[in-house]
Amino acid sequence: MKRGRDADAASSALARIQRDAADPGVNLMPALLAAVTAYVTVGEITAALETVFGTWAERAIA
């Protein structure tokens, strides 16, 4: 899938996801749809969102 896609379009779509995710007033769905249309993988989208939101780990209660 990655081999046949437009690398510039995929890169731009990932940058847009990061930019839009950082602004709480922006609807993220159009950026996600643009990324999927550019054949960006779910893993790449998740990694882009992770750079903005980080990861959450549950604390163990003993």
N, C-alpha and C. Protein backbone atom coordinates (compact mmCIF):
# COMPACT_ATOMS: atom_id res chain seq x y z
N MET A 1 0.82 -1.18 0.00
CA MET A 1 0.00 0.00 0.00
C MET A 1 0.88 1.26 0.00
N LYS A 2 1.89 1.26 0.85
CA LYS A 2 2.76 2.44 0.93
C LYS A 2 3.53 2.66 -0.37
N ARG A 3 3.87 1.59 -1.04
CA ARG A 3 4.67 1.70 -2.24
C ARG A 3 3.94 2.42 -3.37
N GLY A 4 2.64 2.22 -3.47
CA GLY A 4 1.89 2.78 -4.57
C GLY A 4 1.26 4.14 -4.31
N ARG A 5 1.44 4.68 -3.13
CA ARG A 5 0.79 5.96 -2.79
C ARG A 5 1.69 7.15 -3.11
N ASP A 6 1.08 8.31 -3.13
CA ASP A 6 1.82 9.57 -3.32
C ASP A 6 2.42 9.95 -1.96
N ALA A 7 3.72 9.85 -1.84
CA ALA A 7 4.40 10.09 -0.57
C ALA A 7 4.20 11.51 -0.07
N ASP A 8 4.18 12.47 -0.97
CA ASP A 8 3.97 13.87 -0.56
C ASP A 8 2.57 14.08 0.00
N ALA A 9 1.57 13.46 -0.62
CA ALA A 9 0.20 13.59 -0.14
C ALA A 9 0.05 12.93 1.23
N ALA A 10 0.68 11.79 1.41
CA ALA A 10 0.61 11.10 2.70
C ALA A 10 1.29 11.92 3.79
N SER A 11 2.44 12.47 3.47
CA SER A 11 3.16 13.29 4.44
C SER A 11 2.38 14.55 4.81
N SER A 12 1.77 15.17 3.82
CA SER A 12 0.96 16.36 4.08
C SER A 12 -0.26 16.02 4.92
N ALA A 13 -0.87 14.88 4.66
CA ALA A 13 -2.03 14.45 5.43
C ALA A 13 -1.67 14.20 6.89
N LEU A 14 -0.51 13.59 7.12
CA LEU A 14 -0.08 13.34 8.50
C LEU A 14 0.24 14.65 9.22
N ALA A 15 0.85 15.58 8.52
CA ALA A 15 1.13 16.90 9.13
C ALA A 15 -0.16 17.62 9.47
N ARG A 16 -1.16 17.49 8.60
CA ARG A 16 -2.46 18.13 8.87
C ARG A 16 -3.13 17.50 10.09
N ILE A 17 -3.03 16.19 10.23
CA ILE A 17 -3.59 15.54 11.41
C ILE A 17 -2.96 16.10 12.68
N GLN A 18 -1.65 16.19 12.69
CA GLN A 18 -0.96 16.72 13.88
C GLN A 18 -1.36 18.17 14.15
N ARG A 19 -1.44 18.97 13.13
CA ARG A 19 -1.79 20.38 13.28
C ARG A 19 -3.23 20.53 13.79
N ASP A 20 -4.14 19.79 13.18
CA ASP A 20 -5.54 19.89 13.57
C ASP A 20 -5.78 19.29 14.95
N ALA A 21 -5.09 18.22 15.29
CA ALA A 21 -5.26 17.59 16.60
C ALA A 21 -4.79 18.50 17.72
N ALA A 22 -3.84 19.35 17.44
CA ALA A 22 -3.31 20.26 18.45
C ALA A 22 -4.26 21.42 18.75
N ASP A 23 -5.25 21.63 17.89
CA ASP A 23 -6.21 22.73 18.07
C ASP A 23 -7.55 22.15 18.49
N PRO A 24 -7.97 22.34 19.75
CA PRO A 24 -9.21 21.73 20.21
C PRO A 24 -10.47 22.27 19.52
N GLY A 25 -10.36 23.37 18.81
CA GLY A 25 -11.51 23.93 18.12
C GLY A 25 -11.70 23.41 16.71
N VAL A 26 -10.81 22.54 16.26
CA VAL A 26 -10.86 22.04 14.89
C VAL A 26 -11.44 20.63 14.87
N ASN A 27 -12.35 20.38 13.94
CA ASN A 27 -12.90 19.05 13.73
C ASN A 27 -11.83 18.19 13.06
N LEU A 28 -11.47 17.11 13.68
CA LEU A 28 -10.38 16.25 13.20
C LEU A 28 -10.80 15.31 12.06
N MET A 29 -12.09 15.08 11.92
CA MET A 29 -12.57 14.10 10.93
C MET A 29 -12.15 14.43 9.50
N PRO A 30 -12.24 15.68 9.01
CA PRO A 30 -11.79 15.95 7.64
C PRO A 30 -10.32 15.60 7.41
N ALA A 31 -9.47 15.85 8.39
CA ALA A 31 -8.06 15.50 8.25
C ALA A 31 -7.86 14.00 8.22
N LEU A 32 -8.63 13.28 9.03
CA LEU A 32 -8.54 11.82 9.03
C LEU A 32 -9.01 11.24 7.70
N LEU A 33 -10.09 11.77 7.16
CA LEU A 33 -10.59 11.29 5.87
C LEU A 33 -9.59 11.59 4.75
N ALA A 34 -8.96 12.75 4.80
CA ALA A 34 -7.94 13.08 3.80
C ALA A 34 -6.76 12.11 3.89
N ALA A 35 -6.39 11.74 5.11
CA ALA A 35 -5.28 10.80 5.29
C ALA A 35 -5.63 9.42 4.73
N VAL A 36 -6.84 8.97 5.01
CA VAL A 36 -7.25 7.66 4.50
C VAL A 36 -7.30 7.68 2.98
N THR A 37 -7.77 8.78 2.41
CA THR A 37 -7.82 8.92 0.96
C THR A 37 -6.41 8.89 0.35
N ALA A 38 -5.42 9.38 1.12
CA ALA A 38 -4.03 9.38 0.66
C ALA A 38 -3.32 8.06 1.00
N TYR A 39 -4.10 7.06 1.43
CA TYR A 39 -3.57 5.74 1.76
C TYR A 39 -2.58 5.74 2.93
N VAL A 40 -2.82 6.61 3.89
CA VAL A 40 -2.03 6.60 5.12
C VAL A 40 -2.55 5.45 5.98
N THR A 41 -1.66 4.70 6.58
CA THR A 41 -2.07 3.53 7.35
C THR A 41 -2.60 3.94 8.73
N VAL A 42 -3.36 3.03 9.34
CA VAL A 42 -3.89 3.28 10.68
C VAL A 42 -2.74 3.48 11.67
N GLY A 43 -1.68 2.72 11.51
CA GLY A 43 -0.52 2.87 12.39
C GLY A 43 0.12 4.25 12.27
N GLU A 44 0.21 4.76 11.06
CA GLU A 44 0.79 6.09 10.86
C GLU A 44 -0.12 7.17 11.44
N ILE A 45 -1.43 7.00 11.27
CA ILE A 45 -2.37 7.96 11.84
C ILE A 45 -2.28 7.93 13.37
N THR A 46 -2.23 6.74 13.94
CA THR A 46 -2.12 6.59 15.38
C THR A 46 -0.84 7.23 15.91
N ALA A 47 0.25 7.04 15.21
CA ALA A 47 1.52 7.63 15.63
C ALA A 47 1.46 9.15 15.58
N ALA A 48 0.80 9.69 14.56
CA ALA A 48 0.67 11.15 14.46
C ALA A 48 -0.16 11.69 15.61
N LEU A 49 -1.24 11.00 15.95
CA LEU A 49 -2.07 11.44 17.06
C LEU A 49 -1.34 11.29 18.39
N GLU A 50 -0.52 10.27 18.49
CA GLU A 50 0.24 10.04 19.72
C GLU A 50 1.24 11.16 19.98
N THR A 51 1.79 11.76 18.92
CA THR A 51 2.73 12.86 19.12
C THR A 51 2.04 14.07 19.74
N VAL A 52 0.74 14.21 19.51
CA VAL A 52 0.00 15.34 20.07
C VAL A 52 -0.56 14.99 21.44
N PHE A 53 -1.21 13.84 21.56
CA PHE A 53 -1.92 13.48 22.78
C PHE A 53 -1.12 12.63 23.74
N GLY A 54 -0.05 12.01 23.27
CA GLY A 54 0.73 11.11 24.12
C GLY A 54 0.00 9.79 24.30
N THR A 55 0.47 9.01 25.27
CA THR A 55 -0.17 7.75 25.59
C THR A 55 -0.58 7.74 27.05
N TRP A 56 -1.54 6.94 27.34
CA TRP A 56 -2.04 6.85 28.70
C TRP A 56 -1.79 5.46 29.23
N ALA A 57 -1.32 5.40 30.45
CA ALA A 57 -1.09 4.12 31.08
C ALA A 57 -1.81 4.11 32.43
N GLU A 58 -2.60 3.09 32.64
CA GLU A 58 -3.34 2.98 33.88
C GLU A 58 -2.40 2.63 35.02
N ARG A 59 -2.58 3.31 36.13
CA ARG A 59 -1.77 3.00 37.30
C ARG A 59 -2.36 1.80 38.01
N ALA A 60 -1.53 0.89 38.42
CA ALA A 60 -1.98 -0.27 39.15
C ALA A 60 -2.34 0.12 40.57
N ILE A 61 -3.46 -0.40 41.04
CA ILE A 61 -3.88 -0.16 42.41
C ILE A 61 -3.64 -1.43 43.18
N ALA A 62 -2.84 -1.29 44.20
CA ALA A 62 -2.48 -2.50 44.97
C ALA A 62 -3.36 -2.70 46.16
